[in-house]
Amino acid sequence: MVPEHAYLNEIGRTKIGLCNDEEAVDAFYKLSQLEGIIPALESAHAVAYAMKLAKTLGSDKTILVNLSGRGDKDIDFVIEHYPIPNAKF
């Protein structure tokens, strides 16, 4: 974790969580299919955690996820190594 992330977590401005690669790929496909946004794999991990976190929060809460990078450069790798799964939504 970089110092800025550690600091923001320490002061309560951000929440750092974990997800596995399967969850990240699922988030990659969901965001691509439902919103037309192809996230970079790094960002897909953040989206996956946000999806898990959202299930634990009330509808009055907001989650902000920063999407950095471009998923178009990752799409060939994802399709080759993680074929499109059955939709889970």
N, C-alpha and C. Protein backbone atom coordinates (compact mmCIF):
# COMPACT_ATOMS: atom_id res chain seq x y z
N MET A 1 0.85 -1.17 0.00
CA MET A 1 0.00 0.00 0.00
C MET A 1 0.90 1.24 0.00
N VAL A 2 0.56 2.19 -0.85
CA VAL A 2 1.36 3.41 -0.92
C VAL A 2 1.00 4.32 0.25
N PRO A 3 1.90 5.23 0.63
CA PRO A 3 1.67 6.08 1.80
C PRO A 3 0.37 6.88 1.75
N GLU A 4 0.00 7.38 0.57
CA GLU A 4 -1.25 8.18 0.48
C GLU A 4 -2.46 7.32 0.82
N HIS A 5 -2.49 6.09 0.32
CA HIS A 5 -3.62 5.19 0.62
C HIS A 5 -3.65 4.85 2.10
N ALA A 6 -2.49 4.58 2.66
CA ALA A 6 -2.43 4.26 4.09
C ALA A 6 -2.94 5.43 4.93
N TYR A 7 -2.55 6.64 4.56
CA TYR A 7 -2.99 7.82 5.30
C TYR A 7 -4.49 8.01 5.19
N LEU A 8 -5.03 7.94 3.97
CA LEU A 8 -6.47 8.11 3.79
C LEU A 8 -7.26 7.04 4.53
N ASN A 9 -6.74 5.84 4.56
CA ASN A 9 -7.39 4.77 5.32
C ASN A 9 -7.34 5.07 6.82
N GLU A 10 -6.19 5.52 7.28
CA GLU A 10 -5.99 5.81 8.70
C GLU A 10 -6.93 6.90 9.20
N ILE A 11 -7.21 7.91 8.37
CA ILE A 11 -8.08 9.01 8.82
C ILE A 11 -9.55 8.76 8.49
N GLY A 12 -9.84 7.56 7.93
CA GLY A 12 -11.23 7.21 7.67
C GLY A 12 -11.83 7.76 6.39
N ARG A 13 -11.01 8.29 5.50
CA ARG A 13 -11.51 8.85 4.24
C ARG A 13 -11.68 7.79 3.16
N THR A 14 -11.09 6.63 3.38
CA THR A 14 -11.21 5.54 2.40
C THR A 14 -11.27 4.23 3.15
N LYS A 15 -11.72 3.20 2.46
CA LYS A 15 -11.76 1.87 3.04
C LYS A 15 -11.01 0.96 2.09
N ILE A 16 -10.08 0.22 2.59
CA ILE A 16 -9.28 -0.68 1.78
C ILE A 16 -9.80 -2.09 2.01
N GLY A 17 -10.06 -2.79 0.92
CA GLY A 17 -10.60 -4.14 1.03
C GLY A 17 -9.93 -5.07 0.04
N LEU A 18 -10.35 -6.32 0.08
CA LEU A 18 -9.76 -7.34 -0.76
C LEU A 18 -10.79 -8.02 -1.63
N CYS A 19 -10.34 -8.49 -2.77
CA CYS A 19 -11.14 -9.38 -3.61
C CYS A 19 -10.17 -10.27 -4.37
N ASN A 20 -10.69 -11.39 -4.84
CA ASN A 20 -9.82 -12.29 -5.58
C ASN A 20 -9.95 -12.03 -7.09
N ASP A 21 -9.13 -12.72 -7.88
CA ASP A 21 -9.13 -12.48 -9.33
C ASP A 21 -10.46 -12.86 -9.97
N GLU A 22 -11.10 -13.92 -9.49
CA GLU A 22 -12.40 -14.31 -10.05
C GLU A 22 -13.43 -13.20 -9.85
N GLU A 23 -13.44 -12.60 -8.68
CA GLU A 23 -14.36 -11.49 -8.41
C GLU A 23 -14.04 -10.29 -9.29
N ALA A 24 -12.75 -10.03 -9.50
CA ALA A 24 -12.34 -8.90 -10.35
C ALA A 24 -12.76 -9.12 -11.80
N VAL A 25 -12.60 -10.35 -12.30
CA VAL A 25 -13.00 -10.64 -13.67
C VAL A 25 -14.51 -10.54 -13.80
N ASP A 26 -15.24 -11.01 -12.81
CA ASP A 26 -16.70 -10.88 -12.82
C ASP A 26 -17.09 -9.40 -12.88
N ALA A 27 -16.43 -8.57 -12.09
CA ALA A 27 -16.70 -7.12 -12.10
C ALA A 27 -16.32 -6.51 -13.45
N PHE A 28 -15.21 -6.98 -14.03
CA PHE A 28 -14.77 -6.52 -15.35
C PHE A 28 -15.88 -6.73 -16.37
N TYR A 29 -16.44 -7.96 -16.39
CA TYR A 29 -17.50 -8.27 -17.35
C TYR A 29 -18.79 -7.50 -17.03
N LYS A 30 -19.15 -7.42 -15.77
CA LYS A 30 -20.40 -6.73 -15.42
C LYS A 30 -20.35 -5.26 -15.80
N LEU A 31 -19.26 -4.58 -15.45
CA LEU A 31 -19.16 -3.16 -15.78
C LEU A 31 -19.13 -2.97 -17.29
N SER A 32 -18.46 -3.86 -18.00
CA SER A 32 -18.40 -3.77 -19.46
C SER A 32 -19.78 -3.97 -20.08
N GLN A 33 -20.50 -4.98 -19.61
CA GLN A 33 -21.79 -5.33 -20.20
C GLN A 33 -22.91 -4.39 -19.77
N LEU A 34 -22.93 -4.01 -18.51
CA LEU A 34 -24.05 -3.21 -18.01
C LEU A 34 -23.89 -1.72 -18.23
N GLU A 35 -22.65 -1.22 -18.22
CA GLU A 35 -22.43 0.22 -18.33
C GLU A 35 -21.66 0.63 -19.59
N GLY A 36 -21.10 -0.36 -20.31
CA GLY A 36 -20.33 -0.04 -21.50
C GLY A 36 -18.96 0.54 -21.18
N ILE A 37 -18.51 0.34 -19.95
CA ILE A 37 -17.19 0.83 -19.51
C ILE A 37 -16.29 -0.38 -19.36
N ILE A 38 -15.18 -0.41 -20.08
CA ILE A 38 -14.23 -1.52 -19.96
C ILE A 38 -13.13 -1.08 -19.00
N PRO A 39 -13.16 -1.59 -17.77
CA PRO A 39 -12.17 -1.14 -16.80
C PRO A 39 -10.83 -1.84 -16.98
N ALA A 40 -9.76 -1.18 -16.59
CA ALA A 40 -8.47 -1.85 -16.49
C ALA A 40 -8.59 -2.92 -15.41
N LEU A 41 -7.77 -3.94 -15.48
CA LEU A 41 -7.87 -5.01 -14.48
C LEU A 41 -7.65 -4.50 -13.06
N GLU A 42 -6.75 -3.54 -12.91
CA GLU A 42 -6.51 -2.98 -11.58
C GLU A 42 -7.79 -2.33 -11.04
N SER A 43 -8.47 -1.59 -11.89
CA SER A 43 -9.72 -0.94 -11.48
C SER A 43 -10.83 -1.97 -11.26
N ALA A 44 -10.81 -3.06 -12.01
CA ALA A 44 -11.83 -4.09 -11.84
C ALA A 44 -11.77 -4.68 -10.43
N HIS A 45 -10.58 -4.75 -9.83
CA HIS A 45 -10.48 -5.21 -8.45
C HIS A 45 -11.22 -4.25 -7.51
N ALA A 46 -11.07 -2.96 -7.74
CA ALA A 46 -11.76 -1.97 -6.91
C ALA A 46 -13.26 -2.06 -7.11
N VAL A 47 -13.71 -2.25 -8.34
CA VAL A 47 -15.14 -2.39 -8.62
C VAL A 47 -15.68 -3.64 -7.92
N ALA A 48 -14.93 -4.72 -7.97
CA ALA A 48 -15.37 -5.96 -7.32
C ALA A 48 -15.55 -5.75 -5.82
N TYR A 49 -14.60 -5.08 -5.20
CA TYR A 49 -14.74 -4.83 -3.76
C TYR A 49 -15.91 -3.90 -3.49
N ALA A 50 -16.11 -2.90 -4.33
CA ALA A 50 -17.24 -1.98 -4.15
C ALA A 50 -18.57 -2.72 -4.26
N MET A 51 -18.63 -3.70 -5.16
CA MET A 51 -19.85 -4.49 -5.29
C MET A 51 -20.12 -5.29 -4.02
N LYS A 52 -19.06 -5.86 -3.43
CA LYS A 52 -19.22 -6.59 -2.16
C LYS A 52 -19.63 -5.64 -1.05
N LEU A 53 -18.96 -4.50 -0.97
CA LEU A 53 -19.23 -3.52 0.07
C LEU A 53 -20.66 -3.00 -0.02
N ALA A 54 -21.14 -2.77 -1.24
CA ALA A 54 -22.48 -2.21 -1.44
C ALA A 54 -23.56 -3.09 -0.81
N LYS A 55 -23.34 -4.38 -0.80
CA LYS A 55 -24.32 -5.31 -0.22
C LYS A 55 -24.46 -5.14 1.29
N THR A 56 -23.46 -4.52 1.91
CA THR A 56 -23.47 -4.37 3.37
C THR A 56 -23.92 -2.98 3.81
N LEU A 57 -24.13 -2.07 2.85
CA LEU A 57 -24.47 -0.69 3.18
C LEU A 57 -25.94 -0.40 2.91
N GLY A 58 -26.45 0.59 3.58
CA GLY A 58 -27.81 1.03 3.32
C GLY A 58 -27.90 1.79 2.01
N SER A 59 -29.12 1.94 1.51
CA SER A 59 -29.32 2.62 0.23
C SER A 59 -29.01 4.11 0.30
N ASP A 60 -28.83 4.64 1.52
CA ASP A 60 -28.50 6.05 1.68
C ASP A 60 -27.00 6.32 1.60
N LYS A 61 -26.21 5.27 1.41
CA LYS A 61 -24.75 5.40 1.35
C LYS A 61 -24.28 5.48 -0.10
N THR A 62 -23.14 6.14 -0.30
CA THR A 62 -22.55 6.29 -1.63
C THR A 62 -21.15 5.70 -1.62
N ILE A 63 -20.81 5.01 -2.69
CA ILE A 63 -19.46 4.47 -2.86
C ILE A 63 -18.85 5.15 -4.08
N LEU A 64 -17.65 5.65 -3.94
CA LEU A 64 -16.93 6.27 -5.04
C LEU A 64 -15.76 5.37 -5.42
N VAL A 65 -15.71 4.97 -6.69
CA VAL A 65 -14.60 4.16 -7.19
C VAL A 65 -13.93 4.92 -8.31
N ASN A 66 -12.62 5.08 -8.21
CA ASN A 66 -11.84 5.75 -9.25
C ASN A 66 -11.38 4.71 -10.26
N LEU A 67 -11.79 4.88 -11.51
CA LEU A 67 -11.34 3.99 -12.57
C LEU A 67 -10.14 4.62 -13.25
N SER A 68 -9.01 3.97 -13.13
CA SER A 68 -7.80 4.48 -13.77
C SER A 68 -7.36 3.47 -14.83
N GLY A 69 -6.74 3.93 -15.84
CA GLY A 69 -6.28 3.03 -16.89
C GLY A 69 -7.39 2.71 -17.87
N ARG A 70 -7.04 1.89 -18.86
CA ARG A 70 -7.99 1.53 -19.91
C ARG A 70 -8.06 0.02 -20.03
N GLY A 71 -9.27 -0.50 -20.05
CA GLY A 71 -9.45 -1.93 -20.16
C GLY A 71 -9.32 -2.49 -21.55
N ASP A 72 -9.35 -1.61 -22.56
CA ASP A 72 -9.23 -2.12 -23.93
C ASP A 72 -7.89 -2.83 -24.14
N LYS A 73 -6.87 -2.43 -23.38
CA LYS A 73 -5.57 -3.09 -23.51
C LYS A 73 -5.54 -4.43 -22.78
N ASP A 74 -6.51 -4.67 -21.89
CA ASP A 74 -6.58 -5.91 -21.12
C ASP A 74 -7.59 -6.91 -21.67
N ILE A 75 -8.45 -6.46 -22.56
CA ILE A 75 -9.60 -7.29 -22.96
C ILE A 75 -9.18 -8.60 -23.63
N ASP A 76 -8.15 -8.58 -24.47
CA ASP A 76 -7.71 -9.82 -25.12
C ASP A 76 -7.21 -10.83 -24.09
N PHE A 77 -6.45 -10.36 -23.10
CA PHE A 77 -5.96 -11.23 -22.04
C PHE A 77 -7.12 -11.83 -21.25
N VAL A 78 -8.08 -11.00 -20.90
CA VAL A 78 -9.21 -11.46 -20.09
C VAL A 78 -10.01 -12.51 -20.86
N ILE A 79 -10.32 -12.24 -22.11
CA ILE A 79 -11.13 -13.19 -22.89
C ILE A 79 -10.38 -14.50 -23.09
N GLU A 80 -9.07 -14.42 -23.32
CA GLU A 80 -8.29 -15.64 -23.53
C GLU A 80 -8.19 -16.48 -22.26
N HIS A 81 -7.96 -15.83 -21.12
CA HIS A 81 -7.74 -16.56 -19.87
C HIS A 81 -8.99 -16.74 -19.02
N TYR A 82 -9.99 -15.92 -19.24
CA TYR A 82 -11.23 -15.98 -18.46
C TYR A 82 -12.40 -15.81 -19.43
N PRO A 83 -12.76 -16.89 -20.13
CA PRO A 83 -13.87 -16.77 -21.10
C PRO A 83 -15.11 -16.19 -20.44
N ILE A 84 -15.93 -15.55 -21.26
CA ILE A 84 -17.13 -14.88 -20.74
C ILE A 84 -17.96 -15.89 -19.94
N PRO A 85 -18.16 -15.62 -18.66
CA PRO A 85 -18.91 -16.54 -17.80
C PRO A 85 -20.42 -16.39 -18.01
N ASN A 86 -21.15 -17.32 -17.44
CA ASN A 86 -22.59 -17.15 -17.42
C ASN A 86 -22.88 -15.92 -16.58
N ALA A 87 -23.81 -15.12 -17.03
CA ALA A 87 -24.13 -13.89 -16.33
C ALA A 87 -24.60 -14.20 -14.92
N LYS A 88 -24.11 -13.45 -13.94
CA LYS A 88 -24.50 -13.63 -12.54
C LYS A 88 -25.42 -12.52 -12.09
N PHE A 89 -26.05 -11.84 -13.04
CA PHE A 89 -26.91 -10.73 -12.70
C PHE A 89 -28.21 -10.84 -13.46
